[in-house]
Amino acid sequence: MPDPKDNMVLRTVYLPLGLDRELRQLAFSRDVSKADLIRDFIRQGLGGVQQAGEKTLADKVQERIDTREKVISSALLSTQSKKTSLSPSGKRRRSHAKQAARA
């Protein structure tokens, strides 16, 4: 039979002394390990976040990517529309000051 720890990752977390005492008492009263209790609380917390509609980090990152893609697309469209507004000779008309300076 495979060891259940094969699919686990070790995480080290510092807890305030009072919180650890509460955790130890609750684990003792339920006859479970503190580790099992912590895993259950994390599952419950993650489930609550998803049910409450809070955005995950992945959701926030995707929103930033989408926003940047929109900015880039609008900049490209703006650049393309400026190219189509060129004079018939294919060059932009120079300002009067630039024309006078060249003369």
C-alpha atoms as a PDB file:
ATOM      1  CA  MET A   1       0.000   0.000   0.000  1.00  0.00           C
ATOM      2  CA  PRO A   2       1.466   3.419  -0.960  1.00  0.00           C
ATOM      3  CA  ASP A   3       2.428   5.843   1.780  1.00  0.00           C
ATOM      4  CA  PRO A   4      -0.202   8.668   2.013  1.00  0.00           C
ATOM      5  CA  LYS A   5       2.645  11.155   2.516  1.00  0.00           C
ATOM      6  CA  ASP A   6       3.831  10.492  -1.051  1.00  0.00           C
ATOM      7  CA  ASN A   7       1.243  12.987  -2.312  1.00  0.00           C
ATOM      8  CA  MET A   8       1.873  15.607   0.367  1.00  0.00           C
ATOM      9  CA  VAL A   9       3.995  18.735   0.531  1.00  0.00           C
ATOM     10  CA  LEU A  10       5.557  19.989   3.752  1.00  0.00           C
ATOM     11  CA  ARG A  11       4.758  23.612   4.656  1.00  0.00           C
ATOM     12  CA  THR A  12       6.124  25.359   7.710  1.00  0.00           C
ATOM     13  CA  VAL A  13       3.845  27.943   9.294  1.00  0.00           C
ATOM     14  CA  TYR A  14       4.441  29.983  12.426  1.00  0.00           C
ATOM     15  CA  LEU A  15       1.363  30.285  14.670  1.00  0.00           C
ATOM     16  CA  PRO A  16       0.872  32.503  17.687  1.00  0.00           C
ATOM     17  CA  LEU A  17       1.126  30.511  20.914  1.00  0.00           C
ATOM     18  CA  GLY A  18      -2.523  31.106  21.841  1.00  0.00           C
ATOM     19  CA  LEU A  19      -3.746  29.922  18.450  1.00  0.00           C
ATOM     20  CA  ASP A  20      -1.626  26.793  18.683  1.00  0.00           C
ATOM     21  CA  ARG A  21      -3.093  26.038  22.120  1.00  0.00           C
ATOM     22  CA  GLU A  22      -6.628  26.407  20.755  1.00  0.00           C
ATOM     23  CA  LEU A  23      -5.737  24.170  17.834  1.00  0.00           C
ATOM     24  CA  ARG A  24      -4.241  21.537  20.147  1.00  0.00           C
ATOM     25  CA  GLN A  25      -7.325  21.555  22.410  1.00  0.00           C
ATOM     26  CA  LEU A  26      -9.721  21.281  19.471  1.00  0.00           C
ATOM     27  CA  ALA A  27      -7.700  18.490  17.881  1.00  0.00           C
ATOM     28  CA  PHE A  28      -7.662  16.622  21.210  1.00  0.00           C
ATOM     29  CA  SER A  29     -11.413  17.033  21.689  1.00  0.00           C
ATOM     30  CA  ARG A  30     -12.091  15.713  18.172  1.00  0.00           C
ATOM     31  CA  ASP A  31      -9.483  12.967  18.504  1.00  0.00           C
ATOM     32  CA  VAL A  32      -7.634  14.032  15.362  1.00  0.00           C
ATOM     33  CA  SER A  33      -4.142  15.337  14.740  1.00  0.00           C
ATOM     34  CA  LYS A  34      -3.446  19.065  14.503  1.00  0.00           C
ATOM     35  CA  ALA A  35      -2.239  18.458  10.940  1.00  0.00           C
ATOM     36  CA  ASP A  36      -5.580  16.888   9.960  1.00  0.00           C
ATOM     37  CA  LEU A  37      -7.431  19.758  11.600  1.00  0.00           C
ATOM     38  CA  ILE A  38      -5.312  22.349   9.772  1.00  0.00           C
ATOM     39  CA  ARG A  39      -5.894  20.611   6.417  1.00  0.00           C
ATOM     40  CA  ASP A  40      -9.669  20.593   7.091  1.00  0.00           C
ATOM     41  CA  PHE A  41      -9.640  24.309   7.955  1.00  0.00           C
ATOM     42  CA  ILE A  42      -7.684  25.132   4.805  1.00  0.00           C
ATOM     43  CA  ARG A  43     -10.154  23.162   2.668  1.00  0.00           C
ATOM     44  CA  GLN A  44     -13.083  24.952   4.318  1.00  0.00           C
ATOM     45  CA  GLY A  45     -11.399  28.326   3.854  1.00  0.00           C
ATOM     46  CA  LEU A  46     -10.679  27.710   0.191  1.00  0.00           C
ATOM     47  CA  GLY A  47     -14.229  26.527  -0.377  1.00  0.00           C
ATOM     48  CA  GLY A  48     -15.555  29.679   1.287  1.00  0.00           C
ATOM     49  CA  VAL A  49     -13.422  31.899  -0.925  1.00  0.00           C
ATOM     50  CA  GLN A  50     -14.691  30.187  -4.068  1.00  0.00           C
ATOM     51  CA  GLN A  51     -18.333  30.307  -2.928  1.00  0.00           C
ATOM     52  CA  ALA A  52     -18.091  33.966  -1.951  1.00  0.00           C
ATOM     53  CA  GLY A  53     -16.963  34.761  -5.481  1.00  0.00           C
ATOM     54  CA  GLU A  54     -13.652  36.198  -4.353  1.00  0.00           C
ATOM     55  CA  LYS A  55     -11.098  36.277  -7.092  1.00  0.00           C
ATOM     56  CA  THR A  56      -8.196  33.896  -6.909  1.00  0.00           C
ATOM     57  CA  LEU A  57      -4.664  34.981  -7.747  1.00  0.00           C
ATOM     58  CA  ALA A  58      -5.012  33.236 -11.112  1.00  0.00           C
ATOM     59  CA  ASP A  59      -8.173  35.252 -11.836  1.00  0.00           C
ATOM     60  CA  LYS A  60      -6.401  38.516 -10.961  1.00  0.00           C
ATOM     61  CA  VAL A  61      -3.425  37.669 -13.161  1.00  0.00           C
ATOM     62  CA  GLN A  62      -5.717  36.792 -16.076  1.00  0.00           C
ATOM     63  CA  GLU A  63      -7.542  40.129 -15.680  1.00  0.00           C
ATOM     64  CA  ARG A  64      -4.232  41.990 -15.897  1.00  0.00           C
ATOM     65  CA  ILE A  65      -3.275  40.048 -19.013  1.00  0.00           C
ATOM     66  CA  ASP A  66      -6.656  40.789 -20.611  1.00  0.00           C
ATOM     67  CA  THR A  67      -6.349  44.494 -19.746  1.00  0.00           C
ATOM     68  CA  ARG A  68      -2.880  44.738 -21.260  1.00  0.00           C
ATOM     69  CA  GLU A  69      -4.036  42.932 -24.401  1.00  0.00           C
ATOM     70  CA  LYS A  70      -6.857  45.476 -24.777  1.00  0.00           C
ATOM     71  CA  VAL A  71      -4.426  48.370 -24.352  1.00  0.00           C
ATOM     72  CA  ILE A  72      -2.079  46.906 -26.958  1.00  0.00           C
ATOM     73  CA  SER A  73      -4.954  46.244 -29.376  1.00  0.00           C
ATOM     74  CA  SER A  74      -6.275  49.784 -29.053  1.00  0.00           C
ATOM     75  CA  ALA A  75      -2.770  51.193 -29.555  1.00  0.00           C
ATOM     76  CA  LEU A  76      -2.361  49.102 -32.696  1.00  0.00           C
ATOM     77  CA  LEU A  77      -5.735  50.244 -34.016  1.00  0.00           C
ATOM     78  CA  SER A  78      -4.802  53.836 -33.276  1.00  0.00           C
ATOM     79  CA  THR A  79      -1.520  53.429 -35.152  1.00  0.00           C
ATOM     80  CA  GLN A  80      -3.283  51.849 -38.117  1.00  0.00           C
ATOM     81  CA  SER A  81      -5.883  54.609 -38.275  1.00  0.00           C
ATOM     82  CA  LYS A  82      -3.115  57.226 -38.269  1.00  0.00           C
ATOM     83  CA  LYS A  83      -1.485  55.487 -41.227  1.00  0.00           C
ATOM     84  CA  THR A  84      -4.726  55.692 -43.226  1.00  0.00           C
ATOM     85  CA  SER A  85      -4.988  59.441 -42.538  1.00  0.00           C
ATOM     86  CA  LEU A  86      -1.828  60.220 -44.490  1.00  0.00           C
ATOM     87  CA  SER A  87      -1.937  62.686 -47.366  1.00  0.00           C
ATOM     88  CA  PRO A  88      -2.346  61.278 -50.907  1.00  0.00           C
ATOM     89  CA  SER A  89       1.407  61.374 -51.457  1.00  0.00           C
ATOM     90  CA  GLY A  90       1.781  58.929 -48.559  1.00  0.00           C
ATOM     91  CA  LYS A  91       3.420  61.431 -46.240  1.00  0.00           C
ATOM     92  CA  ARG A  92       1.981  63.398 -43.413  1.00  0.00           C
ATOM     93  CA  ARG A  93       1.658  67.045 -43.997  1.00  0.00           C
ATOM     94  CA  ARG A  94       4.392  68.965 -42.288  1.00  0.00           C
ATOM     95  CA  SER A  95       3.533  71.782 -39.976  1.00  0.00           C
ATOM     96  CA  HIS A  96       4.092  75.292 -41.287  1.00  0.00           C
ATOM     97  CA  ALA A  97       6.925  75.814 -38.797  1.00  0.00           C
ATOM     98  CA  LYS A  98       8.805  72.758 -40.039  1.00  0.00           C
ATOM     99  CA  GLN A  99       8.287  73.779 -43.671  1.00  0.00           C
ATOM    100  CA  ALA A 100       9.565  77.278 -42.965  1.00  0.00           C
ATOM    101  CA  ALA A 101      12.572  75.920 -41.127  1.00  0.00           C
ATOM    102  CA  ARG A 102      13.502  73.743 -44.107  1.00  0.00           C
ATOM    103  CA  ALA A 103      13.221  76.633 -46.569  1.00  0.00           C
END
